[in-house]
N, C-alpha and C. Protein backbone atom coordinates (compact mmCIF):
# COMPACT_ATOMS: atom_id res chain seq x y z
N MET A 1 87.12 -30.80 -27.16
CA MET A 1 87.43 -31.80 -26.32
C MET A 1 87.63 -31.02 -24.86
N ASN A 2 86.82 -31.46 -24.09
CA ASN A 2 86.66 -30.71 -22.68
C ASN A 2 87.62 -31.40 -21.57
N TYR A 3 88.36 -30.54 -21.16
CA TYR A 3 89.23 -31.36 -19.96
C TYR A 3 89.00 -31.15 -18.68
N TYR A 4 87.81 -30.62 -18.41
CA TYR A 4 87.22 -30.61 -16.98
C TYR A 4 86.32 -31.51 -16.75
N GLN A 5 86.71 -32.26 -15.88
CA GLN A 5 85.98 -33.66 -15.65
C GLN A 5 85.74 -33.80 -14.37
N VAL A 6 84.71 -34.35 -13.91
CA VAL A 6 84.57 -34.55 -12.45
C VAL A 6 84.89 -35.70 -12.18
N PRO A 7 85.70 -35.87 -10.89
CA PRO A 7 86.26 -37.21 -10.54
C PRO A 7 85.38 -38.20 -10.26
N TYR A 8 85.84 -39.38 -11.14
CA TYR A 8 85.17 -40.89 -10.84
C TYR A 8 86.04 -42.10 -10.70
N HIS A 9 85.25 -42.91 -10.28
CA HIS A 9 86.17 -44.38 -10.40
C HIS A 9 85.32 -45.10 -11.14
N GLN A 10 86.04 -45.73 -12.16
CA GLN A 10 85.70 -46.80 -13.13
C GLN A 10 86.27 -47.99 -12.86
N GLN A 11 85.73 -49.33 -12.74
CA GLN A 11 86.09 -50.39 -12.61
C GLN A 11 86.80 -50.95 -13.94
N ALA A 12 88.12 -51.28 -14.29
CA ALA A 12 88.71 -51.70 -15.86
C ALA A 12 89.20 -52.86 -15.19
N GLY A 13 88.58 -53.93 -15.66
CA GLY A 13 89.22 -55.18 -15.35
C GLY A 13 89.29 -55.40 -13.69
N THR A 14 90.47 -55.62 -13.39
CA THR A 14 91.05 -55.73 -12.03
C THR A 14 91.74 -54.16 -11.52
N GLN A 15 91.62 -53.27 -12.38
CA GLN A 15 92.15 -52.19 -11.86
C GLN A 15 91.20 -50.76 -11.72
N ALA A 16 91.15 -50.23 -10.67
CA ALA A 16 90.39 -49.17 -10.75
C ALA A 16 91.11 -47.69 -11.22
N VAL A 17 90.41 -46.91 -12.33
CA VAL A 17 90.82 -46.04 -12.98
C VAL A 17 90.35 -44.63 -12.43
N THR A 18 90.89 -43.62 -12.10
CA THR A 18 90.45 -42.50 -11.37
C THR A 18 90.95 -41.35 -12.27
N VAL A 19 89.99 -40.67 -12.66
CA VAL A 19 90.24 -39.30 -13.52
C VAL A 19 90.14 -37.92 -12.58
N TYR A 20 91.04 -37.20 -12.52
CA TYR A 20 90.75 -35.94 -11.74
C TYR A 20 90.96 -34.83 -12.49
N PRO A 21 90.06 -33.63 -11.91
CA PRO A 21 89.68 -32.29 -12.69
C PRO A 21 91.06 -31.61 -12.94
N THR A 22 90.71 -31.27 -13.99
CA THR A 22 91.92 -30.12 -14.64
C THR A 22 91.21 -28.96 -15.06
N ASP A 23 91.77 -27.90 -14.72
CA ASP A 23 91.35 -26.48 -15.00
C ASP A 23 91.85 -26.14 -16.35
N PRO A 24 90.83 -26.04 -17.21
CA PRO A 24 91.38 -25.38 -18.72
C PRO A 24 91.92 -24.09 -18.68
N CYS A 25 91.74 -22.97 -17.69
CA CYS A 25 92.36 -21.86 -17.46
C CYS A 25 93.70 -22.10 -17.08
N VAL A 26 94.35 -22.78 -16.13
CA VAL A 26 95.32 -22.90 -15.54
C VAL A 26 96.21 -23.55 -16.76
N VAL A 27 95.93 -24.57 -17.43
CA VAL A 27 96.57 -25.18 -18.71
C VAL A 27 96.69 -24.26 -19.62
N GLU A 28 95.89 -23.22 -20.26
CA GLU A 28 95.95 -22.38 -20.96
C GLU A 28 97.10 -21.05 -20.44
N THR A 29 96.90 -20.86 -19.39
CA THR A 29 98.07 -20.02 -18.81
C THR A 29 99.38 -20.52 -19.01
N LEU A 30 99.44 -21.58 -18.24
CA LEU A 30 100.87 -22.46 -18.35
C LEU A 30 101.41 -22.15 -19.74
N GLN A 31 100.47 -22.91 -20.93
CA GLN A 31 101.09 -22.71 -22.27
C GLN A 31 101.34 -21.58 -22.93
N SER A 32 100.77 -20.56 -22.14
CA SER A 32 100.95 -19.16 -22.55
C SER A 32 102.45 -18.74 -22.30
N ILE A 33 103.02 -19.29 -21.07
CA ILE A 33 104.00 -18.71 -20.58
C ILE A 33 105.12 -19.79 -20.89
N ILE A 34 105.12 -20.59 -21.82
CA ILE A 34 106.17 -21.74 -21.88
C ILE A 34 107.60 -20.78 -22.26
N GLY A 35 108.52 -21.37 -21.72
CA GLY A 35 110.34 -20.81 -22.11
C GLY A 35 110.31 -19.64 -20.75
N GLN A 36 109.45 -19.10 -19.89
CA GLN A 36 109.49 -18.50 -18.86
C GLN A 36 109.74 -18.94 -17.62
N CYS A 37 110.62 -18.11 -16.75
CA CYS A 37 110.58 -18.88 -15.14
C CYS A 37 109.50 -18.49 -14.44
N VAL A 38 108.98 -19.20 -13.56
CA VAL A 38 108.03 -19.20 -12.61
C VAL A 38 108.15 -20.11 -11.33
N VAL A 39 107.32 -19.71 -10.29
CA VAL A 39 107.34 -20.20 -9.23
C VAL A 39 106.03 -20.97 -8.94
N ILE A 40 105.90 -22.09 -8.80
CA ILE A 40 104.38 -23.07 -8.58
C ILE A 40 104.48 -23.48 -7.24
N GLU A 41 103.64 -22.95 -6.49
CA GLU A 41 103.30 -23.70 -4.81
C GLU A 41 102.14 -24.75 -5.40
N THR A 42 102.44 -26.08 -4.77
CA THR A 42 101.71 -26.97 -4.67
C THR A 42 101.33 -27.35 -3.62
N THR A 43 100.41 -28.79 -3.57
CA THR A 43 100.08 -28.93 -2.13
C THR A 43 101.14 -29.61 -1.28
N ARG A 44 102.28 -29.75 -2.17
CA ARG A 44 103.39 -30.59 -1.32
C ARG A 44 104.77 -29.52 -1.01
N GLY A 45 104.41 -28.26 -1.57
CA GLY A 45 105.46 -27.38 -1.35
C GLY A 45 105.91 -26.77 -2.74
N ARG A 46 106.71 -25.71 -2.72
CA ARG A 46 107.30 -24.75 -3.90
C ARG A 46 108.31 -25.48 -4.61
N ILE A 47 107.86 -25.07 -6.25
CA ILE A 47 109.01 -25.25 -7.16
C ILE A 47 109.11 -24.21 -8.03
N GLU A 48 110.15 -23.95 -8.47
CA GLU A 48 110.55 -22.88 -9.50
C GLU A 48 111.40 -23.43 -10.48
N GLY A 49 111.16 -23.07 -11.56
CA GLY A 49 111.93 -23.60 -12.81
C GLY A 49 111.46 -22.70 -14.23
N ILE A 50 111.97 -23.44 -15.24
CA ILE A 50 111.79 -22.76 -16.75
C ILE A 50 110.40 -23.57 -17.33
N VAL A 51 109.32 -23.16 -17.38
CA VAL A 51 108.28 -23.94 -18.24
C VAL A 51 108.42 -24.33 -19.46
N GLN A 52 108.78 -25.82 -19.62
CA GLN A 52 109.38 -26.52 -20.89
C GLN A 52 108.06 -26.95 -21.63
N GLY A 53 106.92 -27.18 -21.23
CA GLY A 53 105.55 -27.37 -22.00
C GLY A 53 104.33 -27.79 -20.81
N CYS A 54 103.41 -28.01 -21.47
CA CYS A 54 102.07 -28.06 -20.90
C CYS A 54 101.36 -29.27 -21.51
N LYS A 55 100.79 -29.87 -20.74
CA LYS A 55 99.59 -30.97 -21.25
C LYS A 55 98.46 -30.83 -20.27
N PRO A 56 97.63 -31.27 -20.72
CA PRO A 56 95.95 -31.30 -20.13
C PRO A 56 96.21 -31.52 -18.37
N ASP A 57 97.07 -32.59 -18.21
CA ASP A 57 97.13 -33.16 -16.76
C ASP A 57 98.39 -32.64 -15.74
N HIS A 58 99.43 -32.39 -16.86
CA HIS A 58 100.75 -31.92 -16.23
C HIS A 58 101.43 -30.67 -16.83
N VAL A 59 102.54 -30.19 -16.05
CA VAL A 59 103.18 -29.05 -16.53
C VAL A 59 104.65 -29.51 -16.40
N ILE A 60 105.51 -29.44 -17.55
CA ILE A 60 107.05 -29.76 -17.13
C ILE A 60 107.68 -28.59 -17.00
N LEU A 61 108.75 -28.80 -15.88
CA LEU A 61 109.36 -27.56 -15.69
C LEU A 61 111.26 -27.79 -15.57
N MET A 62 111.93 -27.06 -16.02
CA MET A 62 113.22 -27.37 -16.15
C MET A 62 114.05 -26.63 -14.86
N ASN A 63 114.52 -27.05 -13.98
CA ASN A 63 115.44 -26.56 -12.88
C ASN A 63 116.86 -27.10 -12.53
N ARG A 64 117.75 -26.55 -13.08
CA ARG A 64 119.27 -26.95 -12.86
C ARG A 64 119.45 -28.31 -13.36
N ASN A 65 118.95 -28.10 -14.83
CA ASN A 65 119.41 -29.42 -15.54
C ASN A 65 118.78 -30.48 -15.41
N LYS A 66 117.52 -30.40 -14.32
CA LYS A 66 116.71 -31.54 -14.01
C LYS A 66 115.46 -31.27 -14.44
N THR A 67 114.40 -32.15 -15.01
CA THR A 67 113.14 -32.08 -15.45
C THR A 67 112.38 -32.44 -14.23
N PHE A 68 111.09 -31.51 -14.07
CA PHE A 68 109.99 -32.17 -12.95
C PHE A 68 108.54 -32.12 -13.96
N PHE A 69 107.95 -33.04 -13.42
CA PHE A 69 106.74 -33.21 -14.06
C PHE A 69 105.77 -32.92 -12.96
N VAL A 70 104.77 -31.85 -12.92
CA VAL A 70 103.94 -31.46 -11.78
C VAL A 70 102.53 -31.53 -12.27
N ARG A 71 101.69 -32.47 -11.62
CA ARG A 71 100.44 -32.57 -11.71
C ARG A 71 99.52 -31.40 -11.70
N ILE A 72 98.83 -30.79 -12.63
CA ILE A 72 97.81 -29.63 -12.82
C ILE A 72 97.05 -29.67 -11.35
N CYS A 73 96.50 -30.71 -11.30
CA CYS A 73 95.44 -30.78 -9.90
C CYS A 73 96.33 -30.48 -8.55
N GLU A 74 97.53 -30.44 -8.65
CA GLU A 74 98.04 -30.36 -7.42
C GLU A 74 98.63 -28.92 -7.35
N ILE A 75 98.46 -27.99 -8.30
CA ILE A 75 98.83 -26.62 -8.40
C ILE A 75 98.05 -26.00 -7.69
N VAL A 76 98.51 -25.06 -6.54
CA VAL A 76 97.88 -24.01 -5.72
C VAL A 76 97.79 -22.67 -6.56
N TRP A 77 99.15 -22.04 -6.95
CA TRP A 77 99.14 -20.81 -7.64
C TRP A 77 100.62 -20.84 -8.37
N ILE A 78 100.43 -19.99 -9.22
CA ILE A 78 101.57 -19.73 -10.15
C ILE A 78 102.07 -18.42 -9.94
N MET A 79 103.47 -18.13 -10.04
CA MET A 79 103.80 -16.91 -10.11
C MET A 79 105.13 -16.50 -10.87
N PRO A 80 105.03 -15.36 -11.81
CA PRO A 80 106.28 -15.30 -12.68
C PRO A 80 107.25 -15.00 -11.49
N ASP A 81 108.77 -15.82 -12.08
CA ASP A 81 109.75 -15.47 -11.09
C ASP A 81 110.59 -14.06 -11.74
């Protein structure tokens, strides 16, 4: 299964569906550091926490008993904390 897809718009009934590009290298890296504390810079700011899981389109972070879902396409860089 290839997760890297070029953005496109598809008309599905009355709703438009958008597919965003996903970088398989970022997904693989995040999957390899599950359980570790990281700092992630996104297009909206910085967030830190422990990586709980990673899917092809988002990463799950836990910070102070709160769960955050960060879209992979919004990540600028990742750094171990």
